[in-house]
Amino acid sequence: MRDQPEHKPLRPSWRCPNCGILWPCSAAKLRLLGQFRDDRPGLLVHMAKVQEEATADLKDLNPDARLPDLTPRFVGWAERR
């Protein structure tokens, strides 16, 4: 069996080290949906906490930058069924 690459965020940039796109990438979303299959509220709470971490990291990276609303990226996708 082949090892599957990890699709965890590369901090502090919050990009997927495998895909190179903003995290959570599609593979990460699928993994998270599987992990929280029977607990959508738990997924939303988890992603809200992750969003807080990402906001802090991204602000530290560039304190003068104005961050976009990260809610659609981190929580919005998880609200939909």
Protein backbone atom coordinates (compact mmCIF):
# COMPACT_ATOMS: atom_id res chain seq x y z
CA MET A 1 0.00 0.00 0.00
CA ARG A 2 1.28 3.43 -0.95
CA ASP A 3 1.76 6.10 1.67
CA GLN A 4 -0.67 8.96 1.19
CA PRO A 5 0.83 12.43 1.49
CA GLU A 6 -0.18 14.51 4.47
CA HIS A 7 -2.38 17.46 3.63
CA LYS A 8 -1.82 19.37 6.85
CA PRO A 9 -1.20 23.10 6.86
CA LEU A 10 2.30 24.41 6.53
CA ARG A 11 2.50 27.08 9.17
CA PRO A 12 2.69 30.05 9.27
CA SER A 13 1.64 30.39 5.60
CA TRP A 14 -1.38 28.07 5.92
CA ARG A 15 -0.77 26.46 2.55
CA CYS A 16 -0.84 22.75 1.83
CA PRO A 17 2.76 21.54 1.44
CA ASN A 18 1.63 18.93 -1.09
CA CYS A 19 -0.84 20.89 -3.21
CA GLY A 20 0.68 24.33 -2.73
CA ILE A 21 -2.78 25.85 -2.43
CA LEU A 22 -4.46 27.55 0.49
CA TRP A 23 -5.28 25.13 3.27
CA PRO A 24 -7.67 23.44 3.74
CA CYS A 25 -7.18 21.94 0.30
CA SER A 26 -9.69 19.49 -1.18
CA ALA A 27 -7.83 16.48 0.21
CA ALA A 28 -7.78 18.01 3.70
CA LYS A 29 -11.50 18.78 3.51
CA LEU A 30 -12.28 15.18 2.56
CA ARG A 31 -10.13 13.89 5.42
CA LEU A 32 -11.82 16.24 7.89
CA LEU A 33 -15.29 15.29 6.65
CA GLY A 34 -14.37 11.65 7.22
CA GLN A 35 -13.00 12.32 10.69
CA PHE A 36 -16.10 14.26 11.71
CA ARG A 37 -18.60 12.21 9.69
CA ASP A 38 -21.13 11.95 12.50
CA ASP A 39 -20.28 15.22 14.22
CA ARG A 40 -20.83 18.24 11.99
CA PRO A 41 -21.01 20.63 15.00
CA GLY A 42 -17.67 19.25 16.17
CA LEU A 43 -16.18 19.90 12.73
CA LEU A 44 -17.42 23.49 12.81
CA VAL A 45 -15.96 24.07 16.29
CA HIS A 46 -12.67 22.50 15.23
CA MET A 47 -12.44 24.62 12.08
CA ALA A 48 -13.30 27.80 14.02
CA LYS A 49 -10.38 27.09 16.36
CA VAL A 50 -8.10 26.41 13.41
CA GLN A 51 -9.23 29.69 11.85
CA GLU A 52 -8.19 31.53 15.02
CA GLU A 53 -4.74 29.93 14.82
CA ALA A 54 -4.41 30.81 11.14
CA THR A 55 -5.48 34.40 11.74
CA ALA A 56 -2.82 34.80 14.44
CA ASP A 57 -0.10 33.22 12.25
CA LEU A 58 -0.99 35.29 9.20
CA LYS A 59 -1.06 38.50 11.23
CA ASP A 60 2.37 37.65 12.66
CA LEU A 61 3.69 37.05 9.13
CA ASN A 62 2.66 40.50 7.97
CA PRO A 63 1.33 42.72 10.77
CA ASP A 64 0.54 45.58 8.38
CA ALA A 65 -1.51 43.49 5.96
CA ARG A 66 -5.27 43.57 6.08
CA LEU A 67 -6.52 40.00 6.18
CA PRO A 68 -9.59 38.99 4.22
CA ASP A 69 -12.46 37.33 6.04
CA LEU A 70 -11.16 33.80 6.58
CA THR A 71 -14.53 32.38 7.61
CA PRO A 72 -15.52 31.08 4.15
CA ARG A 73 -12.13 29.39 3.79
CA PHE A 74 -12.10 27.68 7.18
CA VAL A 75 -15.71 27.31 8.32
CA GLY A 76 -17.97 28.13 5.37
CA TRP A 77 -17.24 24.97 3.40
CA ALA A 78 -17.95 22.82 6.48
CA GLU A 79 -21.40 24.35 7.06
CA ARG A 80 -22.74 23.00 3.79
CA ARG A 81 -24.00 19.47 3.49
